[in-house]
């Protein structure tokens, strides 16, 4: 059963995961929404309710944006992270990324993974 509070769009973005302020894993997002992100973490497994930060690297051509997040689920598709304490500016940037491309279209070139 789906419990999301926001719609997610398929979007491959380069991300860095942080734990206690230290970088611990580079990964790709699978989808993104205002409330969270699904990250392809490969063989790395994170515990449910574990606190991380997810940084969107070089997003929108500017400096990366780091957002606090909590692990809400882990599956073969990746790790589901729910954003925690998103600022107004962070929400504005997320909204711009989500709605600056057509549904199912290619990611913005500055956000895409080579």
Protein backbone atom coordinates (compact mmCIF):
# COMPACT_ATOMS: atom_id res chain seq x y z
CA UNK A 1 0.00 0.00 0.00
CA UNK A 2 1.31 3.41 -1.00
CA UNK A 3 1.73 5.95 1.85
CA UNK A 4 3.46 8.83 0.07
CA UNK A 5 2.31 12.37 0.59
CA UNK A 6 3.75 13.60 -2.72
CA UNK A 7 3.98 12.36 -6.29
CA UNK A 8 7.33 10.94 -7.40
CA UNK A 9 8.80 11.35 -10.88
CA UNK A 10 11.40 9.04 -12.43
CA UNK A 11 14.65 11.00 -12.27
CA UNK A 12 18.27 9.84 -12.33
CA UNK A 13 20.42 12.26 -10.36
CA UNK A 14 23.86 11.86 -8.84
CA UNK A 15 23.61 11.86 -5.07
CA UNK A 16 25.97 11.50 -2.13
CA UNK A 17 24.70 10.00 1.12
CA UNK A 18 26.10 11.30 4.41
CA UNK A 19 26.00 9.82 7.90
CA UNK A 20 26.96 12.02 10.87
CA UNK A 21 28.11 14.65 8.37
CA UNK A 22 30.57 12.33 6.62
CA UNK A 23 30.17 11.12 3.01
CA UNK A 24 29.48 7.37 3.00
CA UNK A 25 28.07 6.46 -0.42
CA UNK A 26 27.79 7.85 -3.92
CA UNK A 27 24.65 6.65 -5.71
CA UNK A 28 21.92 7.44 -8.24
CA UNK A 29 18.35 8.40 -7.55
CA UNK A 30 15.60 6.43 -9.27
CA UNK A 31 12.77 8.85 -8.56
CA UNK A 32 12.20 12.11 -6.75
CA UNK A 33 9.29 13.87 -5.04
CA UNK A 34 8.83 16.81 -2.72
CA UNK A 35 8.65 14.38 0.19
CA UNK A 36 11.50 12.02 -0.61
CA UNK A 37 13.68 10.08 -3.01
CA UNK A 38 14.36 6.47 -3.98
CA UNK A 39 18.12 5.88 -4.23
CA UNK A 40 19.80 2.92 -5.92
CA UNK A 41 22.21 1.93 -3.15
CA UNK A 42 23.32 -1.33 -4.78
CA UNK A 43 24.39 -3.92 -2.19
CA UNK A 44 24.54 -1.37 0.63
CA UNK A 45 21.70 -1.84 3.11
CA UNK A 46 20.48 0.89 5.44
CA UNK A 47 18.37 0.30 8.54
CA UNK A 48 14.81 1.57 8.67
CA UNK A 49 14.58 4.90 10.56
CA UNK A 50 18.31 5.53 10.09
CA UNK A 51 19.08 9.23 9.77
CA UNK A 52 21.08 10.27 6.68
CA UNK A 53 21.57 13.32 4.53
CA UNK A 54 21.23 13.16 0.77
CA UNK A 55 23.12 15.64 -1.37
CA UNK A 56 22.06 16.27 -4.94
CA UNK A 57 25.42 16.84 -6.62
CA UNK A 58 25.77 19.86 -8.91
CA UNK A 59 22.01 20.05 -9.26
CA UNK A 60 20.65 22.88 -11.44
CA UNK A 61 24.21 23.85 -12.36
CA UNK A 62 24.85 25.29 -8.92
CA UNK A 63 26.26 24.12 -5.65
CA UNK A 64 24.92 20.78 -4.41
CA UNK A 65 21.97 20.76 -2.07
CA UNK A 66 22.05 18.56 1.05
CA UNK A 67 18.73 17.52 2.59
CA UNK A 68 18.22 15.61 5.87
CA UNK A 69 16.35 12.34 5.36
CA UNK A 70 15.18 9.20 7.15
CA UNK A 71 15.28 5.68 5.69
CA UNK A 72 11.67 4.48 5.35
CA UNK A 73 12.18 1.28 3.38
CA UNK A 74 14.75 -0.93 1.71
CA UNK A 75 14.04 -3.21 -1.28
CA UNK A 76 15.71 -4.64 -4.38
CA UNK A 77 14.77 -1.36 -6.10
CA UNK A 78 16.77 0.73 -3.65
CA UNK A 79 16.50 2.69 -0.44
CA UNK A 80 13.46 4.92 0.13
CA UNK A 81 14.32 8.15 1.93
CA UNK A 82 11.78 10.58 3.35
CA UNK A 83 13.01 14.17 3.60
CA UNK A 84 13.11 15.67 7.09
CA UNK A 85 13.06 19.39 7.95
CA UNK A 86 13.19 20.74 4.39
CA UNK A 87 13.70 24.51 4.25
CA UNK A 88 11.63 26.79 2.04
CA UNK A 89 14.58 27.29 -0.32
CA UNK A 90 15.19 23.53 -0.55
CA UNK A 91 11.51 22.92 -1.29
CA UNK A 92 11.61 25.61 -4.00
CA UNK A 93 14.61 23.95 -5.66
CA UNK A 94 13.04 20.49 -5.47
CA UNK A 95 9.85 21.85 -7.02
CA UNK A 96 11.85 23.48 -9.84
CA UNK A 97 13.63 20.19 -10.63
CA UNK A 98 10.37 18.24 -10.59
CA UNK A 99 8.36 20.58 -12.76
CA UNK A 100 11.02 21.86 -15.18
CA UNK A 101 10.77 18.81 -17.45
CA UNK A 102 7.87 16.94 -19.02
CA UNK A 103 6.53 13.76 -17.40
CA UNK A 104 8.71 10.83 -18.44
CA UNK A 105 11.14 13.16 -20.22
CA UNK A 106 14.89 13.20 -19.92
CA UNK A 107 16.47 14.74 -16.80
CA UNK A 108 17.84 18.24 -17.07
CA UNK A 109 21.28 18.01 -18.68
CA UNK A 110 22.96 19.58 -15.66
CA UNK A 111 21.36 16.94 -13.44
CA UNK A 112 21.77 13.90 -15.65
CA UNK A 113 24.26 11.16 -14.99
CA UNK A 114 26.76 10.58 -17.76
